[in-house]
Amino acid sequence: MKLVLFGTGDDCLKCLDILEQQGIEPDYFTDNDPSKWGKTLKGKEVISPKELLNIDCQIIISTSDYQDKIINQLKEMRLDSRIVTFAPVFRSYIEKKAKEYCPQKAIIHPKECILIDAFMGSGWDGDQQYACYIASGLKDRGYDVHVYAKNSLVPQSDKTECLISRFPWKKDQYWETLLPIINDMEQRLPFVLIANTLEHVMAAAYILKQRYPDKVKILSVIHNDNYSLYEKQALWQDNLNFILGISERIVNVLKNVWMIPEEKVRYRINPVFWKSEEKTSNITQSFSQGNTPIQIGWGGRLSASQKNAHLLPNLIEALEKRNVNYCMEIAGDGSYYTILRTFIKEKDLKKKIRLLGRLEHHAMRVFWSRQQIYINISQWEGCCLAMLEAMECGAVPVVTNVSGVSDVVCDGQTGFRVDLDDTEVIIDRIADKIAFLAEHPQKRQQMSQEAVKTVKER
């Protein structure tokens, strides 16, 4: 039987490295991107998913972001009996490494420290920002705190930078990436790890927990309702002290669908954390009327995966079609930044739409204070920090109804929720809600006040 890896991105390279370390080599790669078909990766051909029908094979899904979509795709092709997700393969590999690991000279401190995972991700995104919020808050309360991050992440401009330990990330050399983290952790025993992903940092803590079971505790935070995250929590639950869900929907799915014991699951909504110098700034929310454009803000990673940034041009065209008088500011970077810049230039929308790139957190409070509408068209989320921060500054959210939204957005009162549906339907519904708010400033002001009140009470 042949072995095929589904996916050709960074996750695939990690999966391939882990398989090769165990003497396993794929025969083919497959991907839904037609531009990759017929090409080679690591000496193996990339084939169309349709060709899987003609091959007797097992299929390992190497990507996590699109795992549920790929599973459904393969089920429709009646290939579901051949599917292997990467999560159990990864766990077996880490278990093997834990048995092989030779402990270094550990340092046992008299007081427990707190380690926080900010390692994965393409930049200082939601999970990484969450890690910094928690680290700063715990440090202020007198705890010994350390944040683990990639050395490629840009330095933070605030006091959390001194808390960050940086490590090299080699996407196709997993153990070489993991070992320095393990060695560092072994000098910080005993510790509690707040794991924002069940990846490198958690794996390092797991390996040490097998050697020092009474010196290592792991608290896993699940930040969104992507299928692969639930699968990982279920696989690792016996080694996790607690699992923290940041939305009620996440907690309910963990307990009622994945049958994780209630005593192991906790719920805590994301904190809205502004530093003292940001809080003291004079923040006022204005309400445009008459011919004044309504201010629309986007704050987040500009990627197709999860964030659906590729749909922003569709939304802009829908607003133009409805003759909405608007100005839009987009704060964030990512793979779609250049595409959006080209779109704005070609459509002659420079006077209406501003691409600001990534803003430091201290600038985001001022950014949100000048927005009257917050938009989010994500495919999945937890309880989005940007949404909470925008609401706290008075922006009315118009968002897809992903996990965590219903915790704070009461439809028609503190914002508008749009159910996930066909792309065109989602965009039309969001554009309709924005048009409504543009035409009804008094209603928008009322919803803004309720949004602020809701976040502050939470």
Protein backbone atom coordinates (compact mmCIF):
# COMPACT_ATOMS: atom_id res chain seq x y z
CA MET A 1 0.00 0.00 0.00
CA LYS A 2 1.28 3.46 -0.94
CA LEU A 3 1.53 6.40 1.46
CA VAL A 4 0.32 9.87 0.41
CA LEU A 5 0.68 13.14 2.36
CA PHE A 6 -2.20 15.57 1.81
CA GLY A 7 -0.88 19.13 1.91
CA THR A 8 2.40 20.74 0.82
CA GLY A 9 2.89 23.66 3.25
CA ASP A 10 4.92 24.09 6.44
CA ASP A 11 2.81 21.50 8.31
CA CYS A 12 3.66 19.00 5.60
CA LEU A 13 7.41 19.59 6.03
CA LYS A 14 7.07 19.01 9.78
CA CYS A 15 5.07 15.84 9.18
CA LEU A 16 7.58 14.63 6.59
CA ASP A 17 10.52 15.20 8.94
CA ILE A 18 8.82 13.27 11.76
CA LEU A 19 7.97 10.38 9.45
CA GLU A 20 11.50 10.24 8.02
CA GLN A 21 12.97 10.10 11.54
CA GLN A 22 10.98 6.88 11.95
CA GLY A 23 12.09 5.43 8.62
CA ILE A 24 8.80 6.18 6.86
CA GLU A 25 8.82 7.79 3.41
CA PRO A 26 5.75 8.91 1.42
CA ASP A 27 5.24 7.82 -2.16
CA TYR A 28 3.30 10.92 -3.24
CA PHE A 29 2.04 14.29 -2.10
CA THR A 30 -1.36 15.66 -3.00
CA ASP A 31 -2.82 19.15 -2.75
CA ASN A 32 -5.96 21.01 -3.78
CA ASP A 33 -3.89 23.70 -5.51
CA PRO A 34 -3.79 22.80 -9.25
CA SER A 35 -0.61 24.86 -9.74
CA LYS A 36 1.31 22.26 -7.71
CA TRP A 37 0.14 19.17 -9.63
CA GLY A 38 2.86 17.47 -11.64
CA LYS A 39 5.63 19.19 -9.69
CA THR A 40 7.86 17.48 -7.13
CA LEU A 41 8.44 18.04 -3.44
CA LYS A 42 11.41 16.37 -1.76
CA GLY A 43 11.76 14.22 -4.88
CA LYS A 44 8.15 12.97 -4.82
CA GLU A 45 5.40 13.89 -7.29
CA VAL A 46 2.50 16.11 -6.24
CA ILE A 47 -0.67 14.60 -7.69
CA SER A 48 -4.28 15.72 -7.99
CA PRO A 49 -6.62 14.45 -5.24
CA LYS A 50 -8.67 12.75 -7.99
CA GLU A 51 -5.73 10.44 -8.68
CA LEU A 52 -6.13 9.00 -5.18
CA LEU A 53 -9.08 7.01 -6.56
CA ASN A 54 -6.66 4.99 -8.70
CA ILE A 55 -4.07 4.30 -5.99
CA ASP A 56 -4.23 1.78 -3.16
CA CYS A 57 -2.99 4.09 -0.42
CA GLN A 58 -3.20 5.48 3.06
CA ILE A 59 -3.63 9.25 3.25
CA ILE A 60 -2.06 11.28 6.05
CA ILE A 61 -3.57 14.75 6.33
CA SER A 62 -0.56 16.89 7.20
CA THR A 63 -2.32 20.25 7.44
CA SER A 64 -4.36 21.26 10.49
CA ASP A 65 -6.05 24.44 9.23
CA TYR A 66 -7.99 22.63 6.50
CA GLN A 67 -8.25 19.21 8.13
CA ASP A 68 -12.04 19.11 8.51
CA LYS A 69 -12.56 20.27 4.90
CA ILE A 70 -10.14 17.66 3.58
CA ILE A 71 -11.81 14.92 5.64
CA ASN A 72 -15.20 15.88 4.16
CA GLN A 73 -13.67 16.00 0.68
CA LEU A 74 -12.23 12.49 1.04
CA LYS A 75 -15.49 11.19 2.49
CA GLU A 76 -17.32 12.45 -0.59
CA MET A 77 -14.76 10.51 -2.67
CA ARG A 78 -15.49 7.44 -0.48
CA LEU A 79 -11.90 7.37 0.72
CA ASP A 80 -12.65 7.96 4.40
CA SER A 81 -11.44 4.47 5.38
CA ARG A 82 -7.95 5.44 4.21
CA ILE A 83 -7.64 8.66 6.24
CA VAL A 84 -5.01 9.07 8.95
CA THR A 85 -4.81 12.46 10.66
CA PHE A 86 -1.40 13.67 11.76
CA ALA A 87 -2.26 14.13 15.46
CA PRO A 88 -1.91 10.45 16.50
CA VAL A 89 1.26 10.12 14.38
CA PHE A 90 2.71 13.13 16.20
CA ARG A 91 1.76 11.76 19.61
CA SER A 92 3.43 8.41 18.92
CA TYR A 93 6.59 10.22 17.84
CA ILE A 94 6.70 12.36 21.01
CA GLU A 95 6.07 9.31 23.21
CA LYS A 96 9.02 7.56 21.52
CA LYS A 97 11.24 10.61 22.01
CA ALA A 98 10.23 10.84 25.68
CA LYS A 99 11.50 7.28 26.26
CA GLU A 100 14.76 8.01 24.42
CA TYR A 101 15.49 11.36 26.06
CA CYS A 102 18.53 11.45 28.33
CA PRO A 103 17.93 13.98 31.13
CA GLN A 104 20.42 16.80 31.60
CA LYS A 105 21.42 18.11 35.00
CA ALA A 106 18.13 19.58 36.17
CA ILE A 107 17.83 22.64 38.39
CA ILE A 108 15.04 22.37 40.95
CA HIS A 109 14.03 25.79 42.27
CA PRO A 110 12.24 26.33 45.59
CA LYS A 111 9.37 28.20 43.94
CA GLU A 112 7.23 27.15 40.98
CA CYS A 113 7.53 29.34 37.86
CA ILE A 114 5.07 29.86 35.01
CA LEU A 115 6.05 29.22 31.39
CA ILE A 116 3.84 30.54 28.61
CA ASP A 117 3.80 29.25 25.04
CA ALA A 118 3.91 31.88 22.28
CA PHE A 119 5.99 29.77 19.91
CA MET A 120 3.75 28.94 16.96
CA GLY A 121 2.17 31.39 14.53
CA SER A 122 3.39 33.72 11.79
CA GLY A 123 3.73 36.82 13.99
CA TRP A 124 2.36 38.47 17.11
CA ASP A 125 -1.15 37.20 16.36
CA GLY A 126 -3.99 36.47 18.76
CA ASP A 127 -2.40 33.50 20.55
CA GLN A 128 0.94 35.24 20.93
CA GLN A 129 -0.69 38.49 22.09
CA TYR A 130 -2.74 36.48 24.59
CA ALA A 131 0.52 35.01 25.92
CA CYS A 132 1.96 38.49 26.44
CA TYR A 133 -1.21 39.73 28.19
CA ILE A 134 -1.14 36.80 30.60
CA ALA A 135 2.60 37.11 31.17
CA SER A 136 2.38 40.82 31.95
CA GLY A 137 -0.54 40.33 34.32
CA LEU A 138 1.13 37.48 36.20
CA LYS A 139 4.42 39.37 36.41
CA ASP A 140 2.59 42.33 37.98
CA ARG A 141 1.24 39.91 40.59
CA GLY A 142 4.74 38.78 41.55
CA TYR A 143 5.02 35.51 39.64
CA ASP A 144 8.21 34.30 37.97
CA VAL A 145 7.12 34.23 34.31
CA HIS A 146 8.86 33.25 31.07
CA VAL A 147 7.43 33.34 27.53
CA TYR A 148 8.70 30.95 24.84
CA ALA A 149 8.78 32.36 21.30
CA LYS A 150 10.53 31.92 17.96
CA ASN A 151 13.63 34.01 17.43
CA SER A 152 12.08 35.25 14.15
CA LEU A 153 9.31 37.16 15.94
CA VAL A 154 9.98 40.90 16.10
CA PRO A 155 10.88 42.27 19.54
CA GLN A 156 8.05 43.63 21.67
CA SER A 157 8.25 47.33 22.46
CA ASP A 158 6.94 46.97 26.01
CA LYS A 159 7.99 45.41 29.29
CA THR A 160 7.05 41.87 28.17
CA GLU A 161 10.14 41.65 25.92
CA CYS A 162 12.36 41.00 28.95
CA LEU A 163 10.18 37.97 29.78
CA ILE A 164 10.63 36.33 26.37
CA SER A 165 13.04 33.46 25.73
CA ARG A 166 13.63 33.00 22.01
CA PHE A 167 14.53 29.80 20.16
CA PRO A 168 15.28 28.96 16.52
CA TRP A 169 12.49 27.33 14.55
CA LYS A 170 13.42 24.87 11.83
CA LYS A 171 10.25 23.79 10.08
CA ASP A 172 11.78 20.61 8.66
CA GLN A 173 13.94 19.73 11.71
CA TYR A 174 11.49 19.08 14.52
CA TRP A 175 13.74 17.47 17.12
CA GLU A 176 16.49 20.04 16.53
CA THR A 177 13.90 22.72 17.28
CA LEU A 178 12.52 20.90 20.30
CA LEU A 179 15.74 19.98 22.12
CA PRO A 180 16.87 23.52 23.14
CA ILE A 181 13.39 24.16 24.58
CA ILE A 182 13.55 20.95 26.62
CA ASN A 183 17.01 21.85 27.91
CA ASP A 184 15.86 25.32 28.94
CA MET A 185 12.76 23.98 30.70
CA GLU A 186 14.88 21.48 32.61
CA GLN A 187 16.66 24.41 34.24
CA ARG A 188 13.35 25.93 35.42
CA LEU A 189 11.75 23.09 37.41
CA PRO A 190 9.17 23.05 38.89
CA PHE A 191 6.88 24.85 36.46
CA VAL A 192 3.35 25.27 35.17
CA LEU A 193 3.13 25.54 31.39
CA ILE A 194 0.30 27.52 29.81
CA ALA A 195 0.24 25.86 26.38
CA ASN A 196 -1.45 27.91 23.68
CA THR A 197 -0.92 25.12 21.15
CA LEU A 198 -0.26 21.41 21.55
CA GLU A 199 2.92 21.72 19.55
CA HIS A 200 6.62 22.27 20.31
CA VAL A 201 6.46 23.82 23.78
CA MET A 202 3.81 21.42 25.05
CA ALA A 203 5.74 18.48 23.59
CA ALA A 204 8.87 19.61 25.45
CA ALA A 205 6.91 19.85 28.71
CA TYR A 206 5.36 16.41 28.12
CA ILE A 207 8.80 14.82 27.69
CA LEU A 208 9.96 16.35 30.97
CA LYS A 209 6.74 15.39 32.72
CA GLN A 210 7.58 11.74 32.08
CA ARG A 211 10.86 12.26 33.96
CA TYR A 212 9.66 14.69 36.64
CA PRO A 213 5.92 13.97 37.05
CA ASP A 214 5.52 16.01 40.24
CA LYS A 215 7.48 18.99 38.86
CA VAL A 216 5.55 19.69 35.63
CA LYS A 217 1.94 20.81 35.19
CA ILE A 218 0.36 21.59 31.84
CA LEU A 219 -2.63 23.89 31.30
CA SER A 220 -3.80 23.77 27.68
CA VAL A 221 -5.72 26.73 26.22
CA ILE A 222 -7.93 26.04 23.20
CA HIS A 223 -8.34 29.28 21.28
CA ASN A 224 -10.75 28.35 18.49
CA ASP A 225 -13.12 25.67 17.31
CA ASN A 226 -11.02 24.16 14.54
CA TYR A 227 -11.68 20.41 14.43
CA SER A 228 -7.98 19.50 14.67
CA LEU A 229 -7.63 21.35 17.99
CA TYR A 230 -10.40 19.30 19.60
CA GLU A 231 -8.77 16.11 18.32
CA LYS A 232 -5.43 17.09 19.87
CA GLN A 233 -7.01 17.97 23.23
CA ALA A 234 -8.73 14.59 23.33
CA LEU A 235 -5.53 12.72 22.43
CA TRP A 236 -3.43 14.47 25.08
CA GLN A 237 -6.06 14.91 27.82
CA ASP A 238 -4.52 12.33 30.18
CA ASN A 239 -1.31 14.37 30.25
CA LEU A 240 -2.99 17.76 30.71
CA ASN A 241 -3.88 19.03 34.17
CA PHE A 242 -6.60 21.31 32.81
CA ILE A 243 -8.03 22.43 29.47
CA LEU A 244 -9.19 26.04 29.27
CA GLY A 245 -11.76 26.98 26.63
CA ILE A 246 -12.14 30.67 25.85
CA SER A 247 -15.76 30.40 24.71
CA GLU A 248 -18.81 28.60 26.04
CA ARG A 249 -19.20 26.79 22.71
CA ILE A 250 -15.66 25.40 22.93
CA VAL A 251 -16.25 24.19 26.50
CA ASN A 252 -19.54 22.53 25.52
CA VAL A 253 -17.95 20.73 22.56
CA LEU A 254 -15.05 19.50 24.70
CA LYS A 255 -17.40 18.06 27.31
CA ASN A 256 -20.36 16.87 25.23
CA VAL A 257 -18.85 15.86 21.89
CA TRP A 258 -15.32 14.80 22.78
CA MET A 259 -16.39 13.54 26.22
CA ILE A 260 -13.54 15.18 28.13
CA PRO A 261 -14.36 15.00 31.88
CA GLU A 262 -16.06 18.09 33.23
CA GLU A 263 -13.60 18.44 36.11
CA LYS A 264 -10.74 18.85 33.62
CA VAL A 265 -12.40 21.63 31.57
CA ARG A 266 -12.49 25.32 32.53
CA TYR A 267 -14.05 28.38 30.87
CA ARG A 268 -12.51 31.82 30.82
CA ILE A 269 -13.20 34.51 28.25
CA ASN A 270 -10.20 36.40 26.86
CA PRO A 271 -9.15 39.44 28.89
CA VAL A 272 -9.14 42.93 27.39
CA PHE A 273 -5.82 44.28 28.54
CA TRP A 274 -4.63 47.81 27.88
CA LYS A 275 -1.42 48.97 29.50
CA SER A 276 -1.64 51.95 31.84
CA GLU A 277 -0.25 54.40 29.30
CA GLU A 278 -2.88 53.23 26.78
CA LYS A 279 -5.74 53.49 29.27
CA THR A 280 -5.00 57.11 30.07
CA SER A 281 -5.24 58.25 26.45
CA ASN A 282 -8.33 60.29 25.65
CA ILE A 283 -10.56 57.82 23.85
CA THR A 284 -13.84 59.09 22.44
CA GLN A 285 -16.24 57.46 20.01
CA SER A 286 -17.90 59.61 17.36
CA PHE A 287 -21.09 58.91 15.45
CA SER A 288 -21.14 59.98 11.82
CA GLN A 289 -24.32 61.41 10.42
CA GLY A 290 -25.34 62.99 7.15
CA ASN A 291 -22.53 62.93 4.59
CA THR A 292 -19.79 61.81 6.99
CA PRO A 293 -18.45 58.36 6.01
CA ILE A 294 -18.94 55.54 8.47
CA GLN A 295 -15.60 54.21 9.78
CA ILE A 296 -15.00 50.46 9.33
CA GLY A 297 -12.03 48.68 10.88
CA TRP A 298 -10.33 45.34 10.31
CA GLY A 299 -7.59 44.24 12.70
CA GLY A 300 -5.95 40.89 12.18
CA ARG A 301 -3.80 38.63 10.04
CA LEU A 302 -4.33 39.04 6.29
CA SER A 303 -4.51 35.38 5.34
CA ALA A 304 -7.03 33.16 3.61
CA SER A 305 -6.66 30.37 6.15
CA GLN A 306 -9.03 31.00 9.08
CA LYS A 307 -9.28 34.80 8.58
CA ASN A 308 -10.83 34.72 5.07
CA ALA A 309 -8.91 37.87 4.10
CA HIS A 310 -9.29 36.86 0.45
CA LEU A 311 -12.98 37.84 0.81
CA LEU A 312 -12.23 41.47 1.68
CA PRO A 313 -12.31 42.58 -1.99
CA ASN A 314 -15.73 40.92 -2.31
CA LEU A 315 -16.98 42.81 0.74
CA ILE A 316 -15.61 46.10 -0.55
CA GLU A 317 -17.34 45.56 -3.90
CA ALA A 318 -20.58 44.72 -2.08
CA LEU A 319 -20.36 48.01 -0.14
CA GLU A 320 -19.70 49.91 -3.38
CA LYS A 321 -22.69 48.24 -5.00
CA ARG A 322 -24.90 49.40 -2.11
CA ASN A 323 -23.50 52.96 -2.32
CA VAL A 324 -22.45 52.87 1.33
CA ASN A 325 -20.61 56.02 2.36
CA TYR A 326 -17.65 54.48 4.19
CA CYS A 327 -13.96 54.63 4.99
CA MET A 328 -12.13 51.42 5.85
CA GLU A 329 -8.85 51.00 7.72
CA ILE A 330 -7.08 47.65 7.64
CA ALA A 331 -4.48 46.93 10.33
CA GLY A 332 -2.51 43.75 9.82
CA ASP A 333 -0.07 41.97 7.56
CA GLY A 334 0.09 38.62 5.86
CA SER A 335 0.03 36.95 2.47
CA TYR A 336 -2.92 39.03 1.20
CA TYR A 337 -1.44 42.43 1.99
CA THR A 338 0.07 42.90 -1.48
CA ILE A 339 -3.05 41.53 -3.18
CA LEU A 340 -5.23 44.02 -1.31
CA ARG A 341 -2.87 46.88 -2.12
CA THR A 342 -3.09 46.02 -5.83
CA PHE A 343 -6.89 45.73 -5.64
CA ILE A 344 -7.22 49.15 -3.95
CA LYS A 345 -5.00 50.75 -6.58
CA GLU A 346 -6.80 49.14 -9.52
CA LYS A 347 -10.22 50.13 -8.19
CA ASP A 348 -9.04 53.67 -7.34
CA LEU A 349 -10.11 53.31 -3.70
CA LYS A 350 -7.12 54.96 -2.00
CA LYS A 351 -9.34 57.73 -0.60
CA LYS A 352 -11.68 55.20 0.98
CA ILE A 353 -9.40 52.37 2.13
CA ARG A 354 -6.14 52.62 4.08
CA LEU A 355 -3.75 49.70 4.49
CA LEU A 356 -1.81 50.35 7.69
CA GLY A 357 0.20 47.15 8.02
CA ARG A 358 0.83 45.64 11.42
CA LEU A 359 0.36 48.08 14.31
CA GLU A 360 1.96 47.73 17.73
CA HIS A 361 -0.53 46.93 20.46
CA HIS A 362 -0.17 50.37 22.05
CA ALA A 363 -1.45 51.90 18.78
CA MET A 364 -4.48 49.62 18.51
CA ARG A 365 -6.54 51.39 21.19
CA VAL A 366 -6.34 54.63 19.19
CA PHE A 367 -7.07 52.64 16.01
CA TRP A 368 -10.22 51.07 17.45
CA SER A 369 -11.38 54.35 18.97
CA ARG A 370 -11.78 55.86 15.50
CA GLN A 371 -13.69 52.86 14.10
CA GLN A 372 -17.47 52.72 14.32
CA ILE A 373 -17.78 49.20 12.93
CA TYR A 374 -15.55 46.21 13.57
CA ILE A 375 -15.63 43.49 10.89
CA ASN A 376 -14.52 39.88 11.14
CA ILE A 377 -15.26 37.32 8.41
CA SER A 378 -13.29 34.40 9.89
CA GLN A 379 -14.11 30.77 9.24
CA TRP A 380 -13.29 29.93 12.86
CA GLU A 381 -12.19 31.74 16.01
CA GLY A 382 -12.26 31.37 19.76
CA CYS A 383 -13.27 34.61 21.42
CA CYS A 384 -11.34 37.04 19.24
CA LEU A 385 -9.20 39.51 21.20
CA ALA A 386 -9.46 42.13 18.45
CA MET A 387 -13.27 41.96 18.63
CA LEU A 388 -13.27 42.45 22.40
CA GLU A 389 -10.83 45.35 22.19
CA ALA A 390 -12.83 46.99 19.41
CA MET A 391 -16.09 46.63 21.35
CA GLU A 392 -14.47 48.05 24.49
CA CYS A 393 -13.60 51.13 22.40
CA GLY A 394 -17.17 51.44 21.10
CA ALA A 395 -16.95 49.81 17.65
CA VAL A 396 -20.06 47.79 16.75
CA PRO A 397 -19.10 44.27 15.64
CA VAL A 398 -20.44 42.84 12.37
CA VAL A 399 -19.00 39.34 12.37
CA THR A 400 -19.41 35.75 11.29
CA ASN A 401 -21.04 33.67 14.01
CA VAL A 402 -17.97 31.68 15.00
CA SER A 403 -17.19 30.31 18.45
CA GLY A 404 -17.06 32.95 21.16
CA VAL A 405 -19.12 35.53 19.29
CA SER A 406 -22.39 34.61 20.98
CA ASP A 407 -20.69 35.06 24.39
CA VAL A 408 -20.58 38.83 23.88
CA VAL A 409 -22.49 39.73 20.70
CA CYS A 410 -26.24 39.76 21.21
CA ASP A 411 -27.60 40.00 17.66
CA GLY A 412 -29.19 43.38 17.03
CA GLN A 413 -28.23 44.73 20.48
CA THR A 414 -24.45 44.73 20.85
CA GLY A 415 -23.67 43.93 17.21
CA PHE A 416 -24.65 41.65 14.35
CA ARG A 417 -23.85 37.95 13.90
CA VAL A 418 -23.88 36.40 10.43
CA ASP A 419 -24.11 32.62 10.18
CA LEU A 420 -21.43 30.81 8.20
CA ASP A 421 -22.82 29.94 4.80
CA ASP A 422 -21.95 30.15 1.14
CA THR A 423 -19.29 32.84 0.57
CA GLU A 424 -21.55 35.10 -1.49
CA VAL A 425 -24.34 34.85 1.09
CA ILE A 426 -21.98 35.75 3.97
CA ILE A 427 -20.61 38.80 2.16
CA ASP A 428 -24.08 40.03 1.19
CA ARG A 429 -25.37 39.70 4.75
CA ILE A 430 -22.38 41.52 6.24
CA ALA A 431 -22.67 44.30 3.64
CA ASP A 432 -26.39 44.62 4.43
CA LYS A 433 -25.68 45.00 8.15
CA ILE A 434 -23.02 47.64 7.52
CA ALA A 435 -25.41 49.53 5.23
CA PHE A 436 -28.08 49.41 7.95
CA LEU A 437 -25.70 50.84 10.55
CA ALA A 438 -24.60 53.56 8.14
CA GLU A 439 -28.21 54.59 7.59
CA HIS A 440 -29.24 54.46 11.28
CA PRO A 441 -26.66 56.40 13.37
CA GLN A 442 -28.86 56.54 16.47
CA LYS A 443 -29.29 52.77 16.49
CA ARG A 444 -25.56 52.41 15.96
CA GLN A 445 -24.83 54.69 18.91
CA GLN A 446 -27.15 52.65 21.11
CA MET A 447 -25.46 49.39 20.03
CA SER A 448 -22.03 50.92 20.60
CA GLN A 449 -22.88 51.82 24.17
CA GLU A 450 -24.23 48.33 24.80
CA ALA A 451 -21.07 46.79 23.30
CA VAL A 452 -18.83 48.78 25.66
CA LYS A 453 -20.98 47.88 28.63
CA THR A 454 -21.02 44.16 27.76
CA VAL A 455 -17.23 43.85 27.46
CA LYS A 456 -16.54 45.81 30.64
CA GLU A 457 -19.02 43.68 32.60
CA ARG A 458 -17.40 40.46 31.33
